[in-house]
Amino acid sequence: VVHPELFTFQDLPGDVETSGELTQGATVFDRRRTREARPNIAVATEVDVSGVTDFILRGMATAANGSS
């Protein structure tokens, strides 16, 4: 992430489901509060939409102008 300040992260316990019939290949996060669940992935749970949109539009404008 180029601008982490545009996101809110939460550490969650997660894993890739490898044997589920409906969820095979999906990343699954357990948001229940249990002692067994240990956070192992920082997950973006909120985004500053206007900040990200501005960043993308400025990048596209820069690319269109051919400058860096």
N, C-alpha and C. Protein backbone atom coordinates (compact mmCIF):
# COMPACT_ATOMS: atom_id res chain seq x y z
N VAL A 1 0.85 -1.17 0.00
CA VAL A 1 0.00 0.00 0.00
C VAL A 1 0.90 1.23 0.00
N VAL A 2 0.70 2.04 -0.99
CA VAL A 2 1.51 3.24 -1.15
C VAL A 2 1.17 4.29 -0.10
N HIS A 3 -0.12 4.38 0.25
CA HIS A 3 -0.58 5.36 1.22
C HIS A 3 -1.40 4.68 2.32
N PRO A 4 -0.73 4.04 3.28
CA PRO A 4 -1.46 3.33 4.33
C PRO A 4 -2.34 4.24 5.18
N GLU A 5 -2.06 5.54 5.17
CA GLU A 5 -2.88 6.46 5.97
C GLU A 5 -4.30 6.58 5.42
N LEU A 6 -4.54 6.09 4.22
CA LEU A 6 -5.86 6.13 3.62
C LEU A 6 -6.73 4.93 4.03
N PHE A 7 -6.15 4.04 4.83
CA PHE A 7 -6.86 2.82 5.23
C PHE A 7 -6.82 2.64 6.74
N THR A 8 -7.83 1.97 7.26
CA THR A 8 -7.84 1.53 8.65
C THR A 8 -7.66 0.03 8.63
N PHE A 9 -6.70 -0.46 9.39
CA PHE A 9 -6.40 -1.89 9.41
C PHE A 9 -6.80 -2.51 10.74
N GLN A 10 -7.17 -3.77 10.69
CA GLN A 10 -7.48 -4.53 11.89
C GLN A 10 -6.76 -5.87 11.76
N ASP A 11 -6.03 -6.27 12.81
CA ASP A 11 -5.37 -7.58 12.82
C ASP A 11 -6.42 -8.64 13.12
N LEU A 12 -6.54 -9.59 12.19
CA LEU A 12 -7.54 -10.65 12.33
C LEU A 12 -6.91 -12.02 12.09
N PRO A 13 -7.47 -13.06 12.71
CA PRO A 13 -7.03 -14.41 12.39
C PRO A 13 -7.65 -14.81 11.05
N GLY A 14 -6.82 -15.23 10.11
CA GLY A 14 -7.33 -15.60 8.80
C GLY A 14 -6.58 -16.78 8.22
N ASP A 15 -7.21 -17.41 7.24
CA ASP A 15 -6.61 -18.56 6.58
C ASP A 15 -7.27 -18.72 5.22
N VAL A 16 -6.58 -19.41 4.31
CA VAL A 16 -7.17 -19.72 3.01
C VAL A 16 -7.85 -21.07 3.12
N GLU A 17 -9.12 -21.10 2.78
CA GLU A 17 -9.90 -22.34 2.84
C GLU A 17 -9.49 -23.23 1.68
N THR A 18 -9.01 -24.43 2.00
CA THR A 18 -8.53 -25.33 0.95
C THR A 18 -9.43 -26.54 0.73
N SER A 19 -10.38 -26.76 1.61
CA SER A 19 -11.21 -27.97 1.46
C SER A 19 -12.71 -27.69 1.46
N GLY A 20 -13.12 -26.45 1.57
CA GLY A 20 -14.55 -26.14 1.60
C GLY A 20 -15.21 -26.31 0.25
N GLU A 21 -16.43 -26.80 0.27
CA GLU A 21 -17.16 -27.00 -0.97
C GLU A 21 -17.59 -25.67 -1.59
N LEU A 22 -18.00 -24.72 -0.75
CA LEU A 22 -18.45 -23.42 -1.24
C LEU A 22 -17.39 -22.34 -1.14
N THR A 23 -16.40 -22.56 -0.30
CA THR A 23 -15.43 -21.50 -0.04
C THR A 23 -14.00 -21.86 -0.44
N GLN A 24 -13.80 -22.93 -1.19
CA GLN A 24 -12.44 -23.34 -1.56
C GLN A 24 -11.71 -22.21 -2.27
N GLY A 25 -10.53 -21.87 -1.78
CA GLY A 25 -9.70 -20.81 -2.34
C GLY A 25 -9.99 -19.44 -1.75
N ALA A 26 -11.02 -19.32 -0.93
CA ALA A 26 -11.38 -18.03 -0.33
C ALA A 26 -10.55 -17.78 0.93
N THR A 27 -10.20 -16.53 1.15
CA THR A 27 -9.56 -16.15 2.40
C THR A 27 -10.67 -15.91 3.41
N VAL A 28 -10.60 -16.61 4.54
CA VAL A 28 -11.65 -16.56 5.55
C VAL A 28 -11.08 -15.94 6.82
N PHE A 29 -11.81 -14.96 7.37
CA PHE A 29 -11.39 -14.30 8.61
C PHE A 29 -12.38 -14.63 9.71
N ASP A 30 -11.85 -14.96 10.87
CA ASP A 30 -12.69 -15.29 12.02
C ASP A 30 -12.73 -14.06 12.92
N ARG A 31 -13.88 -13.37 12.95
CA ARG A 31 -14.00 -12.14 13.74
C ARG A 31 -14.52 -12.41 15.14
N ARG A 32 -14.76 -13.69 15.46
CA ARG A 32 -15.20 -14.01 16.82
C ARG A 32 -14.02 -13.82 17.77
N ARG A 33 -14.31 -13.43 18.97
CA ARG A 33 -13.26 -13.24 19.97
C ARG A 33 -13.12 -14.52 20.78
N THR A 34 -12.11 -15.31 20.42
CA THR A 34 -11.83 -16.55 21.15
C THR A 34 -10.36 -16.58 21.50
N ARG A 35 -10.02 -17.35 22.50
CA ARG A 35 -8.61 -17.45 22.91
C ARG A 35 -7.78 -18.18 21.86
N GLU A 36 -8.41 -19.12 21.13
CA GLU A 36 -7.67 -19.91 20.14
C GLU A 36 -7.31 -19.10 18.89
N ALA A 37 -8.13 -18.11 18.60
CA ALA A 37 -7.93 -17.32 17.39
C ALA A 37 -6.83 -16.29 17.60
N ARG A 38 -5.74 -16.44 16.89
CA ARG A 38 -4.61 -15.50 16.97
C ARG A 38 -4.52 -14.69 15.68
N PRO A 39 -4.54 -13.37 15.78
CA PRO A 39 -4.44 -12.54 14.57
C PRO A 39 -3.14 -12.82 13.81
N ASN A 40 -3.26 -13.01 12.50
CA ASN A 40 -2.07 -13.28 11.70
C ASN A 40 -2.06 -12.49 10.38
N ILE A 41 -3.11 -11.67 10.16
CA ILE A 41 -3.19 -10.89 8.93
C ILE A 41 -3.74 -9.50 9.24
N ALA A 42 -3.09 -8.47 8.72
CA ALA A 42 -3.61 -7.10 8.84
C ALA A 42 -4.58 -6.89 7.68
N VAL A 43 -5.85 -6.66 8.01
CA VAL A 43 -6.91 -6.55 7.01
C VAL A 43 -7.40 -5.10 6.94
N ALA A 44 -7.47 -4.54 5.74
CA ALA A 44 -8.03 -3.21 5.58
C ALA A 44 -9.54 -3.31 5.76
N THR A 45 -10.07 -2.64 6.78
CA THR A 45 -11.49 -2.71 7.07
C THR A 45 -12.23 -1.42 6.73
N GLU A 46 -11.50 -0.33 6.52
CA GLU A 46 -12.10 0.95 6.12
C GLU A 46 -11.16 1.64 5.14
N VAL A 47 -11.74 2.46 4.28
CA VAL A 47 -10.94 3.18 3.28
C VAL A 47 -11.44 4.62 3.17
N ASP A 48 -10.50 5.53 3.00
CA ASP A 48 -10.83 6.93 2.72
C ASP A 48 -11.08 7.02 1.21
N VAL A 49 -12.33 6.87 0.82
CA VAL A 49 -12.69 6.78 -0.59
C VAL A 49 -12.24 8.00 -1.37
N SER A 50 -12.48 9.18 -0.84
CA SER A 50 -12.09 10.39 -1.58
C SER A 50 -10.57 10.49 -1.70
N GLY A 51 -9.84 10.07 -0.66
CA GLY A 51 -8.38 10.10 -0.72
C GLY A 51 -7.83 9.14 -1.76
N VAL A 52 -8.39 7.94 -1.82
CA VAL A 52 -7.93 6.95 -2.80
C VAL A 52 -8.31 7.40 -4.21
N THR A 53 -9.52 7.92 -4.36
CA THR A 53 -9.95 8.41 -5.67
C THR A 53 -9.03 9.53 -6.15
N ASP A 54 -8.70 10.47 -5.27
CA ASP A 54 -7.80 11.57 -5.61
C ASP A 54 -6.43 11.03 -6.02
N PHE A 55 -5.91 10.06 -5.28
CA PHE A 55 -4.61 9.47 -5.60
C PHE A 55 -4.63 8.84 -6.99
N ILE A 56 -5.68 8.09 -7.31
CA ILE A 56 -5.78 7.43 -8.62
C ILE A 56 -5.88 8.47 -9.73
N LEU A 57 -6.74 9.47 -9.54
CA LEU A 57 -6.91 10.49 -10.58
C LEU A 57 -5.64 11.30 -10.81
N ARG A 58 -4.91 11.61 -9.73
CA ARG A 58 -3.64 12.33 -9.89
C ARG A 58 -2.63 11.47 -10.64
N GLY A 59 -2.61 10.17 -10.35
CA GLY A 59 -1.71 9.26 -11.06
C GLY A 59 -2.04 9.15 -12.54
N MET A 60 -3.34 9.10 -12.85
CA MET A 60 -3.75 9.05 -14.25
C MET A 60 -3.41 10.34 -14.97
N ALA A 61 -3.59 11.48 -14.31
CA ALA A 61 -3.26 12.77 -14.92
C ALA A 61 -1.77 12.86 -15.19
N THR A 62 -0.98 12.39 -14.26
CA THR A 62 0.48 12.41 -14.43
C THR A 62 0.89 11.53 -15.60
N ALA A 63 0.28 10.35 -15.70
CA ALA A 63 0.60 9.43 -16.80
C ALA A 63 0.18 10.03 -18.15
N ALA A 64 -0.98 10.70 -18.18
CA ALA A 64 -1.47 11.29 -19.42
C ALA A 64 -0.58 12.44 -19.89
N ASN A 65 0.02 13.14 -18.93
CA ASN A 65 0.91 14.26 -19.26
C ASN A 65 2.33 13.81 -19.57
N GLY A 66 2.62 12.54 -19.32
CA GLY A 66 3.93 12.01 -19.62
C GLY A 66 5.02 12.46 -18.66
N SER A 67 4.63 12.98 -17.49
CA SER A 67 5.63 13.41 -16.51
C SER A 67 5.60 12.47 -15.32
N SER A 68 6.60 12.60 -14.46
CA SER A 68 6.66 11.70 -13.31
C SER A 68 6.27 12.35 -12.03
